[in-house]
PDB file of all heavy atoms in Angstrom:
ATOM      1  N   GLY A   1       0.792  -1.224   0.000  1.00  0.00           N
ATOM      2  CA  GLY A   1       0.000   0.000   0.000  1.00  0.00           C
ATOM      3  C   GLY A   1       0.820   1.268   0.000  1.00  0.00           C
ATOM      4  O   GLY A   1       0.333   2.328   0.401  1.00  0.00           O
ATOM      5  N   GLY A   2       2.079   1.198  -0.439  1.00  0.00           N
ATOM      6  CA  GLY A   2       2.933   2.381  -0.503  1.00  0.00           C
ATOM      7  C   GLY A   2       3.767   2.574   0.745  1.00  0.00           C
ATOM      8  O   GLY A   2       3.789   1.725   1.641  1.00  0.00           O
ATOM      9  N   PHE A   3       4.462   3.695   0.824  1.00  0.00           N
ATOM     10  CA  PHE A   3       5.276   4.013   1.992  1.00  0.00           C
ATOM     11  C   PHE A   3       4.367   4.154   3.219  1.00  0.00           C
ATOM     12  O   PHE A   3       3.317   4.789   3.157  1.00  0.00           O
ATOM     13  CB  PHE A   3       6.052   5.312   1.765  1.00  0.00           C
ATOM     14  CG  PHE A   3       7.127   5.213   0.719  1.00  0.00           C
ATOM     15  CD1 PHE A   3       6.844   5.497  -0.613  1.00  0.00           C
ATOM     16  CD2 PHE A   3       8.416   4.825   1.054  1.00  0.00           C
ATOM     17  CE1 PHE A   3       7.825   5.406  -1.589  1.00  0.00           C
ATOM     18  CE2 PHE A   3       9.403   4.734   0.082  1.00  0.00           C
ATOM     19  CZ  PHE A   3       9.104   5.019  -1.238  1.00  0.00           C
ATOM     20  N   TYR A   4       4.802   3.590   4.315  1.00  0.00           N
ATOM     21  CA  TYR A   4       4.001   3.568   5.542  1.00  0.00           C
ATOM     22  C   TYR A   4       3.915   4.968   6.141  1.00  0.00           C
ATOM     23  O   TYR A   4       4.937   5.623   6.376  1.00  0.00           O
ATOM     24  CB  TYR A   4       4.632   2.605   6.547  1.00  0.00           C
ATOM     25  CG  TYR A   4       3.815   2.355   7.777  1.00  0.00           C
ATOM     26  CD1 TYR A   4       2.660   1.580   7.723  1.00  0.00           C
ATOM     27  CD2 TYR A   4       4.196   2.878   9.008  1.00  0.00           C
ATOM     28  CE1 TYR A   4       1.914   1.328   8.865  1.00  0.00           C
ATOM     29  CE2 TYR A   4       3.450   2.630  10.158  1.00  0.00           C
ATOM     30  CZ  TYR A   4       2.315   1.857  10.079  1.00  0.00           C
ATOM     31  OH  TYR A   4       1.580   1.610  11.217  1.00  0.00           O
ATOM     32  N   THR A   5       2.701   5.437   6.391  1.00  0.00           N
ATOM     33  CA  THR A   5       2.503   6.826   6.812  1.00  0.00           C
ATOM     34  C   THR A   5       2.247   7.007   8.303  1.00  0.00           C
ATOM     35  O   THR A   5       2.125   8.132   8.769  1.00  0.00           O
ATOM     36  CB  THR A   5       1.298   7.437   6.057  1.00  0.00           C
ATOM     37  OG1 THR A   5       0.123   6.662   6.337  1.00  0.00           O
ATOM     38  CG2 THR A   5       1.556   7.459   4.558  1.00  0.00           C
ATOM     39  N   GLU A   6       2.174   5.912   9.058  1.00  0.00           N
ATOM     40  CA  GLU A   6       1.789   6.023  10.470  1.00  0.00           C
ATOM     41  C   GLU A   6       2.973   5.923  11.417  1.00  0.00           C
ATOM     42  O   GLU A   6       2.830   5.487  12.560  1.00  0.00           O
ATOM     43  CB  GLU A   6       0.774   4.927  10.803  1.00  0.00           C
ATOM     44  CG  GLU A   6      -0.508   4.983   9.986  1.00  0.00           C
ATOM     45  CD  GLU A   6      -1.233   6.311  10.160  1.00  0.00           C
ATOM     46  OE1 GLU A   6      -1.322   6.787  11.308  1.00  0.00           O
ATOM     47  OE2 GLU A   6      -1.711   6.857   9.150  1.00  0.00           O
ATOM     48  N   ALA A   7       4.158   6.313  10.970  1.00  0.00           N
ATOM     49  CA  ALA A   7       5.339   6.258  11.836  1.00  0.00           C
ATOM     50  C   ALA A   7       6.252   7.428  11.509  1.00  0.00           C
ATOM     51  O   ALA A   7       6.325   7.876  10.360  1.00  0.00           O
ATOM     52  CB  ALA A   7       6.089   4.937  11.646  1.00  0.00           C
ATOM     53  N   ILE A   8       6.971   7.943  12.505  1.00  0.00           N
ATOM     54  CA  ILE A   8       7.916   9.034  12.261  1.00  0.00           C
ATOM     55  C   ILE A   8       9.206   8.503  11.646  1.00  0.00           C
ATOM     56  O   ILE A   8      10.014   9.278  11.143  1.00  0.00           O
ATOM     57  CB  ILE A   8       8.209   9.835  13.544  1.00  0.00           C
ATOM     58  CG1 ILE A   8       8.814   8.936  14.636  1.00  0.00           C
ATOM     59  CG2 ILE A   8       6.964  10.518  14.054  1.00  0.00           C
ATOM     60  CD1 ILE A   8       9.255   9.715  15.864  1.00  0.00           C
ATOM     61  N   THR A   9       9.403   7.185  11.710  1.00  0.00           N
ATOM     62  CA  THR A   9      10.482   6.544  10.948  1.00  0.00           C
ATOM     63  C   THR A   9       9.817   5.687   9.878  1.00  0.00           C
ATOM     64  O   THR A   9       9.782   4.472   9.961  1.00  0.00           O
ATOM     65  CB  THR A   9      11.379   5.695  11.856  1.00  0.00           C
ATOM     66  OG1 THR A   9      10.557   4.876  12.701  1.00  0.00           O
ATOM     67  CG2 THR A   9      12.271   6.558  12.725  1.00  0.00           C
ATOM     68  N   GLU A  10       9.279   6.368   8.872  1.00  0.00           N
ATOM     69  CA  GLU A  10       8.512   5.688   7.830  1.00  0.00           C
ATOM     70  C   GLU A  10       9.371   4.714   7.032  1.00  0.00           C
ATOM     71  O   GLU A  10       8.878   3.705   6.528  1.00  0.00           O
ATOM     72  CB  GLU A  10       7.861   6.717   6.903  1.00  0.00           C
ATOM     73  CG  GLU A  10       8.748   7.336   5.834  1.00  0.00           C
ATOM     74  CD  GLU A  10       9.904   8.163   6.368  1.00  0.00           C
ATOM     75  OE1 GLU A  10       9.759   8.739   7.462  1.00  0.00           O
ATOM     76  OE2 GLU A  10      10.947   8.233   5.704  1.00  0.00           O
ATOM     77  N   ASP A  11      10.671   5.014   6.930  1.00  0.00           N
ATOM     78  CA  ASP A  11      11.560   4.122   6.186  1.00  0.00           C
ATOM     79  C   ASP A  11      11.732   2.777   6.902  1.00  0.00           C
ATOM     80  O   ASP A  11      11.636   1.715   6.280  1.00  0.00           O
ATOM     81  CB  ASP A  11      12.919   4.798   5.955  1.00  0.00           C
ATOM     82  CG  ASP A  11      13.438   5.548   7.178  1.00  0.00           C
ATOM     83  OD1 ASP A  11      12.885   5.370   8.293  1.00  0.00           O
ATOM     84  OD2 ASP A  11      14.400   6.319   7.024  1.00  0.00           O
ATOM     85  N   PHE A  12      11.971   2.815   8.194  1.00  0.00           N
ATOM     86  CA  PHE A  12      12.123   1.595   8.992  1.00  0.00           C
ATOM     87  C   PHE A  12      10.877   0.723   8.881  1.00  0.00           C
ATOM     88  O   PHE A  12      10.956  -0.487   8.636  1.00  0.00           O
ATOM     89  CB  PHE A  12      12.384   1.987  10.449  1.00  0.00           C
ATOM     90  CG  PHE A  12      12.592   0.832  11.396  1.00  0.00           C
ATOM     91  CD1 PHE A  12      13.709   0.024  11.289  1.00  0.00           C
ATOM     92  CD2 PHE A  12      11.675   0.574  12.392  1.00  0.00           C
ATOM     93  CE1 PHE A  12      13.912  -1.037  12.168  1.00  0.00           C
ATOM     94  CE2 PHE A  12      11.862  -0.485  13.283  1.00  0.00           C
ATOM     95  CZ  PHE A  12      12.987  -1.288  13.166  1.00  0.00           C
ATOM     96  N   ALA A  13       9.712   1.344   9.020  1.00  0.00           N
ATOM     97  CA  ALA A  13       8.449   0.598   8.965  1.00  0.00           C
ATOM     98  C   ALA A  13       8.192   0.049   7.562  1.00  0.00           C
ATOM     99  O   ALA A  13       7.759  -1.105   7.405  1.00  0.00           O
ATOM    100  CB  ALA A  13       7.297   1.503   9.395  1.00  0.00           C
ATOM    101  N   THR A  14       8.459   0.847   6.538  1.00  0.00           N
ATOM    102  CA  THR A  14       8.232   0.402   5.163  1.00  0.00           C
ATOM    103  C   THR A  14       9.092  -0.814   4.829  1.00  0.00           C
ATOM    104  O   THR A  14       8.628  -1.767   4.201  1.00  0.00           O
ATOM    105  CB  THR A  14       8.527   1.549   4.179  1.00  0.00           C
ATOM    106  OG1 THR A  14       7.642   2.647   4.453  1.00  0.00           O
ATOM    107  CG2 THR A  14       8.336   1.107   2.740  1.00  0.00           C
ATOM    108  N   GLY A  15      10.337  -0.795   5.259  1.00  0.00           N
ATOM    109  CA  GLY A  15      11.235  -1.917   5.009  1.00  0.00           C
ATOM    110  C   GLY A  15      10.743  -3.202   5.651  1.00  0.00           C
ATOM    111  O   GLY A  15      10.797  -4.280   5.038  1.00  0.00           O
ATOM    112  N   ILE A  16      10.261  -3.115   6.887  1.00  0.00           N
ATOM    113  CA  ILE A  16       9.733  -4.297   7.573  1.00  0.00           C
ATOM    114  C   ILE A  16       8.538  -4.869   6.814  1.00  0.00           C
ATOM    115  O   ILE A  16       8.430  -6.085   6.612  1.00  0.00           O
ATOM    116  CB  ILE A  16       9.337  -3.956   9.021  1.00  0.00           C
ATOM    117  CG1 ILE A  16      10.570  -3.579   9.840  1.00  0.00           C
ATOM    118  CG2 ILE A  16       8.611  -5.129   9.689  1.00  0.00           C
ATOM    119  CD1 ILE A  16      10.261  -3.093  11.244  1.00  0.00           C
ATOM    120  N   LEU A  17       7.635  -3.997   6.393  1.00  0.00           N
ATOM    121  CA  LEU A  17       6.445  -4.456   5.675  1.00  0.00           C
ATOM    122  C   LEU A  17       6.811  -5.126   4.350  1.00  0.00           C
ATOM    123  O   LEU A  17       6.186  -6.120   3.957  1.00  0.00           O
ATOM    124  CB  LEU A  17       5.498  -3.276   5.432  1.00  0.00           C
ATOM    125  CG  LEU A  17       4.796  -2.722   6.672  1.00  0.00           C
ATOM    126  CD1 LEU A  17       4.012  -1.465   6.328  1.00  0.00           C
ATOM    127  CD2 LEU A  17       3.872  -3.763   7.296  1.00  0.00           C
ATOM    128  N   ILE A  18       7.812  -4.602   3.662  1.00  0.00           N
ATOM    129  CA  ILE A  18       8.244  -5.209   2.406  1.00  0.00           C
ATOM    130  C   ILE A  18       8.782  -6.619   2.654  1.00  0.00           C
ATOM    131  O   ILE A  18       8.484  -7.559   1.900  1.00  0.00           O
ATOM    132  CB  ILE A  18       9.304  -4.320   1.721  1.00  0.00           C
ATOM    133  CG1 ILE A  18       8.645  -3.062   1.148  1.00  0.00           C
ATOM    134  CG2 ILE A  18      10.042  -5.080   0.623  1.00  0.00           C
ATOM    135  CD1 ILE A  18       9.614  -2.050   0.569  1.00  0.00           C
ATOM    136  N   GLN A  19       9.561  -6.789   3.708  1.00  0.00           N
ATOM    137  CA  GLN A  19      10.088  -8.115   4.025  1.00  0.00           C
ATOM    138  C   GLN A  19       8.983  -9.058   4.483  1.00  0.00           C
ATOM    139  O   GLN A  19       8.990 -10.251   4.139  1.00  0.00           O
ATOM    140  CB  GLN A  19      11.183  -7.987   5.085  1.00  0.00           C
ATOM    141  CG  GLN A  19      12.451  -7.346   4.540  1.00  0.00           C
ATOM    142  CD  GLN A  19      13.337  -6.729   5.600  1.00  0.00           C
ATOM    143  OE1 GLN A  19      13.128  -6.929   6.794  1.00  0.00           O
ATOM    144  NE2 GLN A  19      14.325  -5.956   5.166  1.00  0.00           N
ATOM    145  N   ARG A  20       8.019  -8.540   5.213  1.00  0.00           N
ATOM    146  CA  ARG A  20       6.895  -9.370   5.647  1.00  0.00           C
ATOM    147  C   ARG A  20       6.042  -9.808   4.458  1.00  0.00           C
ATOM    148  O   ARG A  20       5.369 -10.845   4.530  1.00  0.00           O
ATOM    149  CB  ARG A  20       6.041  -8.610   6.669  1.00  0.00           C
ATOM    150  CG  ARG A  20       6.727  -8.444   8.017  1.00  0.00           C
ATOM    151  CD  ARG A  20       5.905  -7.657   9.006  1.00  0.00           C
ATOM    152  NE  ARG A  20       4.678  -8.339   9.369  1.00  0.00           N
ATOM    153  CZ  ARG A  20       3.861  -7.946  10.359  1.00  0.00           C
ATOM    154  NH1 ARG A  20       4.169  -6.881  11.072  1.00  0.00           N
ATOM    155  NH2 ARG A  20       2.771  -8.610  10.614  1.00  0.00           N
ATOM    156  N   ALA A  21       6.088  -9.037   3.390  1.00  0.00           N
ATOM    157  CA  ALA A  21       5.328  -9.395   2.187  1.00  0.00           C
ATOM    158  C   ALA A  21       6.051 -10.438   1.340  1.00  0.00           C
ATOM    159  O   ALA A  21       5.558 -10.815   0.271  1.00  0.00           O
ATOM    160  CB  ALA A  21       5.051  -8.146   1.355  1.00  0.00           C
ATOM    161  N   GLY A  22       7.226 -10.896   1.792  1.00  0.00           N
ATOM    162  CA  GLY A  22       7.926 -11.974   1.104  1.00  0.00           C
ATOM    163  C   GLY A  22       9.014 -11.546   0.151  1.00  0.00           C
ATOM    164  O   GLY A  22       9.554 -12.369  -0.580  1.00  0.00           O
ATOM    165  N   PHE A  23       9.367 -10.265   0.153  1.00  0.00           N
ATOM    166  CA  PHE A  23      10.419  -9.785  -0.740  1.00  0.00           C
ATOM    167  C   PHE A  23      11.791  -9.903  -0.075  1.00  0.00           C
ATOM    168  O   PHE A  23      11.918  -9.768   1.143  1.00  0.00           O
ATOM    169  CB  PHE A  23      10.154  -8.326  -1.135  1.00  0.00           C
ATOM    170  CG  PHE A  23       8.983  -8.146  -2.052  1.00  0.00           C
ATOM    171  CD1 PHE A  23       7.703  -8.025  -1.541  1.00  0.00           C
ATOM    172  CD2 PHE A  23       9.163  -8.113  -3.427  1.00  0.00           C
ATOM    173  CE1 PHE A  23       6.609  -7.867  -2.381  1.00  0.00           C
ATOM    174  CE2 PHE A  23       8.080  -7.949  -4.276  1.00  0.00           C
ATOM    175  CZ  PHE A  23       6.800  -7.832  -3.753  1.00  0.00           C
ATOM    176  N   VAL A  24      12.799 -10.136  -0.904  1.00  0.00           N
ATOM    177  CA  VAL A  24      14.181 -10.237  -0.430  1.00  0.00           C
ATOM    178  C   VAL A  24      14.838  -8.863  -0.514  1.00  0.00           C
ATOM    179  O   VAL A  24      14.733  -8.175  -1.539  1.00  0.00           O
ATOM    180  CB  VAL A  24      14.983 -11.247  -1.275  1.00  0.00           C
ATOM    181  CG1 VAL A  24      16.453 -11.247  -0.864  1.00  0.00           C
ATOM    182  CG2 VAL A  24      14.384 -12.638  -1.136  1.00  0.00           C
ATOM    183  N   CYS A  25      15.518  -8.461   0.551  1.00  0.00           N
ATOM    184  CA  CYS A  25      16.145  -7.136   0.601  1.00  0.00           C
ATOM    185  C   CYS A  25      17.650  -7.290   0.841  1.00  0.00           C
ATOM    186  O   CYS A  25      18.066  -8.127   1.644  1.00  0.00           O
ATOM    187  CB  CYS A  25      15.507  -6.289   1.701  1.00  0.00           C
ATOM    188  SG  CYS A  25      13.719  -6.083   1.474  1.00  0.00           S
ATOM    189  N   LEU A  26      18.430  -6.482   0.143  1.00  0.00           N
ATOM    190  CA  LEU A  26      19.884  -6.608   0.170  1.00  0.00           C
ATOM    191  C   LEU A  26      20.522  -5.356   0.749  1.00  0.00           C
ATOM    192  O   LEU A  26      20.050  -4.235   0.532  1.00  0.00           O
ATOM    193  CB  LEU A  26      20.428  -6.836  -1.243  1.00  0.00           C
ATOM    194  CG  LEU A  26      19.755  -7.919  -2.094  1.00  0.00           C
ATOM    195  CD1 LEU A  26      20.390  -7.960  -3.476  1.00  0.00           C
ATOM    196  CD2 LEU A  26      19.859  -9.274  -1.415  1.00  0.00           C
ATOM    197  N   GLY A  27      21.628  -5.542   1.471  1.00  0.00           N
ATOM    198  CA  GLY A  27      22.428  -4.426   1.962  1.00  0.00           C
ATOM    199  C   GLY A  27      23.833  -4.520   1.404  1.00  0.00           C
ATOM    200  O   GLY A  27      24.451  -5.586   1.441  1.00  0.00           O
ATOM    201  N   THR A  28      24.338  -3.431   0.845  1.00  0.00           N
ATOM    202  CA  THR A  28      25.691  -3.419   0.298  1.00  0.00           C
ATOM    203  C   THR A  28      26.587  -2.549   1.174  1.00  0.00           C
ATOM    204  O   THR A  28      26.103  -1.669   1.893  1.00  0.00           O
ATOM    205  CB  THR A  28      25.717  -2.877  -1.138  1.00  0.00           C
ATOM    206  OG1 THR A  28      25.462  -1.468  -1.120  1.00  0.00           O
ATOM    207  CG2 THR A  28      24.670  -3.565  -1.999  1.00  0.00           C
ATOM    208  N   SER A  29      27.880  -2.781   1.108  1.00  0.00           N
ATOM    209  CA  SER A  29      28.827  -2.020   1.926  1.00  0.00           C
ATOM    210  C   SER A  29      29.559  -0.951   1.132  1.00  0.00           C
ATOM    211  O   SER A  29      30.399  -0.234   1.676  1.00  0.00           O
ATOM    212  CB  SER A  29      29.852  -2.973   2.552  1.00  0.00           C
ATOM    213  OG  SER A  29      30.540  -3.697   1.548  1.00  0.00           O
ATOM    214  N   ASP A  30      29.239  -0.834  -0.153  1.00  0.00           N
ATOM    215  CA  ASP A  30      29.919   0.121  -1.029  1.00  0.00           C
ATOM    216  C   ASP A  30      29.179   1.455  -1.016  1.00  0.00           C
ATOM    217  O   ASP A  30      28.043   1.549  -1.490  1.00  0.00           O
ATOM    218  CB  ASP A  30      29.959  -0.447  -2.451  1.00  0.00           C
ATOM    219  CG  ASP A  30      30.772   0.419  -3.402  1.00  0.00           C
ATOM    220  OD1 ASP A  30      31.493   1.313  -2.925  1.00  0.00           O
ATOM    221  OD2 ASP A  30      30.680   0.197  -4.630  1.00  0.00           O
ATOM    222  N   PRO A  31      29.780   2.529  -0.478  1.00  0.00           N
ATOM    223  CA  PRO A  31      29.101   3.836  -0.456  1.00  0.00           C
ATOM    224  C   PRO A  31      28.998   4.422  -1.855  1.00  0.00           C
ATOM    225  O   PRO A  31      30.004   4.570  -2.550  1.00  0.00           O
ATOM    226  CB  PRO A  31      29.995   4.692   0.447  1.00  0.00           C
ATOM    227  CG  PRO A  31      31.336   4.045   0.409  1.00  0.00           C
ATOM    228  CD  PRO A  31      31.096   2.589   0.189  1.00  0.00           C
ATOM    229  N   LEU A  32      27.775   4.767  -2.262  1.00  0.00           N
ATOM    230  CA  LEU A  32      27.522   5.244  -3.618  1.00  0.00           C
ATOM    231  C   LEU A  32      26.908   6.637  -3.655  1.00  0.00           C
ATOM    232  O   LEU A  32      26.593   7.154  -4.728  1.00  0.00           O
ATOM    233  CB  LEU A  32      26.603   4.256  -4.345  1.00  0.00           C
ATOM    234  CG  LEU A  32      27.145   2.833  -4.502  1.00  0.00           C
ATOM    235  CD1 LEU A  32      26.062   1.907  -5.031  1.00  0.00           C
ATOM    236  CD2 LEU A  32      28.364   2.825  -5.413  1.00  0.00           C
ATOM    237  N   ALA A  33      26.704   7.229  -2.478  1.00  0.00           N
ATOM    238  CA  ALA A  33      26.180   8.595  -2.399  1.00  0.00           C
ATOM    239  C   ALA A  33      26.658   9.203  -1.093  1.00  0.00           C
ATOM    240  O   ALA A  33      26.875   8.496  -0.107  1.00  0.00           O
ATOM    241  CB  ALA A  33      24.653   8.603  -2.465  1.00  0.00           C
ATOM    242  N   SER A  34      26.820  10.521  -1.080  1.00  0.00           N
ATOM    243  CA  SER A  34      27.319  11.199   0.115  1.00  0.00           C
ATOM    244  C   SER A  34      26.472  12.425   0.411  1.00  0.00           C
ATOM    245  O   SER A  34      26.034  13.127  -0.504  1.00  0.00           O
ATOM    246  CB  SER A  34      28.780  11.619  -0.076  1.00  0.00           C
ATOM    247  OG  SER A  34      29.619  10.498  -0.246  1.00  0.00           O
ATOM    248  N   GLY A  35      26.279  12.680   1.715  1.00  0.00           N
ATOM    249  CA  GLY A  35      25.478  13.826   2.122  1.00  0.00           C
ATOM    250  C   GLY A  35      26.080  14.515   3.323  1.00  0.00           C
ATOM    251  O   GLY A  35      27.251  14.327   3.662  1.00  0.00           O
ATOM    252  N   LEU A  36      25.257  15.325   3.977  1.00  0.00           N
ATOM    253  CA  LEU A  36      25.691  16.095   5.144  1.00  0.00           C
ATOM    254  C   LEU A  36      25.185  15.445   6.420  1.00  0.00           C
ATOM    255  O   LEU A  36      23.997  15.183   6.561  1.00  0.00           O
ATOM    256  CB  LEU A  36      25.141  17.522   5.065  1.00  0.00           C
ATOM    257  CG  LEU A  36      25.946  18.567   4.286  1.00  0.00           C
ATOM    258  CD1 LEU A  36      25.112  19.838   4.146  1.00  0.00           C
ATOM    259  CD2 LEU A  36      27.255  18.871   4.996  1.00  0.00           C
ATOM    260  N   SER A  37      26.079  15.199   7.367  1.00  0.00           N
ATOM    261  CA  SER A  37      25.652  14.762   8.695  1.00  0.00           C
ATOM    262  C   SER A  37      25.308  16.016   9.512  1.00  0.00           C
ATOM    263  O   SER A  37      25.706  17.132   9.141  1.00  0.00           O
ATOM    264  CB  SER A  37      26.766  13.968   9.380  1.00  0.00           C
ATOM    265  OG  SER A  37      27.914  14.773   9.573  1.00  0.00           O
ATOM    266  N   PRO A  38      24.539  15.886  10.613  1.00  0.00           N
ATOM    267  CA  PRO A  38      24.167  17.063  11.406  1.00  0.00           C
ATOM    268  C   PRO A  38      25.385  17.883  11.818  1.00  0.00           C
ATOM    269  O   PRO A  38      26.431  17.328  12.177  1.00  0.00           O
ATOM    270  CB  PRO A  38      23.476  16.450  12.627  1.00  0.00           C
ATOM    271  CG  PRO A  38      22.941  15.151  12.137  1.00  0.00           C
ATOM    272  CD  PRO A  38      23.953  14.652  11.149  1.00  0.00           C
ATOM    273  N   THR A  39      25.252  19.198  11.758  1.00  0.00           N
ATOM    274  CA  THR A  39      26.386  20.082  12.003  1.00  0.00           C
ATOM    275  C   THR A  39      26.310  20.832  13.321  1.00  0.00           C
ATOM    276  O   THR A  39      27.163  21.667  13.597  1.00  0.00           O
ATOM    277  CB  THR A  39      26.507  21.096  10.855  1.00  0.00           C
ATOM    278  OG1 THR A  39      25.256  21.776  10.686  1.00  0.00           O
ATOM    279  CG2 THR A  39      26.877  20.409   9.556  1.00  0.00           C
ATOM    280  N   ASP A  40      25.303  20.561  14.143  1.00  0.00           N
ATOM    281  CA  ASP A  40      25.235  21.174  15.461  1.00  0.00           C
ATOM    282  C   ASP A  40      24.579  20.210  16.440  1.00  0.00           C
ATOM    283  O   ASP A  40      23.868  19.282  16.043  1.00  0.00           O
ATOM    284  CB  ASP A  40      24.483  22.507  15.424  1.00  0.00           C
ATOM    285  CG  ASP A  40      23.028  22.340  15.043  1.00  0.00           C
ATOM    286  OD1 ASP A  40      22.716  22.342  13.834  1.00  0.00           O
ATOM    287  OD2 ASP A  40      22.205  22.180  15.959  1.00  0.00           O
ATOM    288  N   ILE A  41      24.845  20.407  17.709  1.00  0.00           N
ATOM    289  CA  ILE A  41      24.403  19.475  18.744  1.00  0.00           C
ATOM    290  C   ILE A  41      22.882  19.379  18.842  1.00  0.00           C
ATOM    291  O   ILE A  41      22.341  18.266  18.938  1.00  0.00           O
ATOM    292  CB  ILE A  41      25.033  19.854  20.100  1.00  0.00           C
ATOM    293  CG1 ILE A  41      26.557  19.636  20.028  1.00  0.00           C
ATOM    294  CG2 ILE A  41      24.439  19.035  21.244  1.00  0.00           C
ATOM    295  CD1 ILE A  41      27.310  20.129  21.233  1.00  0.00           C
ATOM    296  N   PRO A  42      22.121  20.483  18.847  1.00  0.00           N
ATOM    297  CA  PRO A  42      20.658  20.349  18.933  1.00  0.00           C
ATOM    298  C   PRO A  42      20.066  19.492  17.819  1.00  0.00           C
ATOM    299  O   PRO A  42      19.173  18.677  18.070  1.00  0.00           O
ATOM    300  CB  PRO A  42      20.161  21.801  18.848  1.00  0.00           C
ATOM    301  CG  PRO A  42      21.296  22.614  19.380  1.00  0.00           C
ATOM    302  CD  PRO A  42      22.535  21.913  18.911  1.00  0.00           C
ATOM    303  N   ASN A  43      20.558  19.646  16.588  1.00  0.00           N
ATOM    304  CA  ASN A  43      20.019  18.846  15.484  1.00  0.00           C
ATOM    305  C   ASN A  43      20.453  17.388  15.576  1.00  0.00           C
ATOM    306  O   ASN A  43      19.705  16.496  15.177  1.00  0.00           O
ATOM    307  CB  ASN A  43      20.444  19.448  14.147  1.00  0.00           C
ATOM    308  CG  ASN A  43      19.486  20.517  13.665  1.00  0.00           C
ATOM    309  OD1 ASN A  43      18.312  20.246  13.420  1.00  0.00           O
ATOM    310  ND2 ASN A  43      19.968  21.741  13.576  1.00  0.00           N
ATOM    311  N   LEU A  44      21.660  17.139  16.085  1.00  0.00           N
ATOM    312  CA  LEU A  44      22.091  15.760  16.297  1.00  0.00           C
ATOM    313  C   LEU A  44      21.180  15.074  17.311  1.00  0.00           C
ATOM    314  O   LEU A  44      20.719  13.950  17.093  1.00  0.00           O
ATOM    315  CB  LEU A  44      23.539  15.737  16.800  1.00  0.00           C
ATOM    316  CG  LEU A  44      24.076  14.359  17.204  1.00  0.00           C
ATOM    317  CD1 LEU A  44      24.214  13.453  15.986  1.00  0.00           C
ATOM    318  CD2 LEU A  44      25.410  14.498  17.934  1.00  0.00           C
TER     319      LEU A  44
END
């Protein structure tokens, strides 16, 4: 039914539901994108 909307960590919940639906999910160790980590203590 799409991305799970009833959680503040919608990604975590969506992943669980996909696996519960019988799909295989893979994790790789090769970094392929880079972003910004939090730059101040309150946001961390």
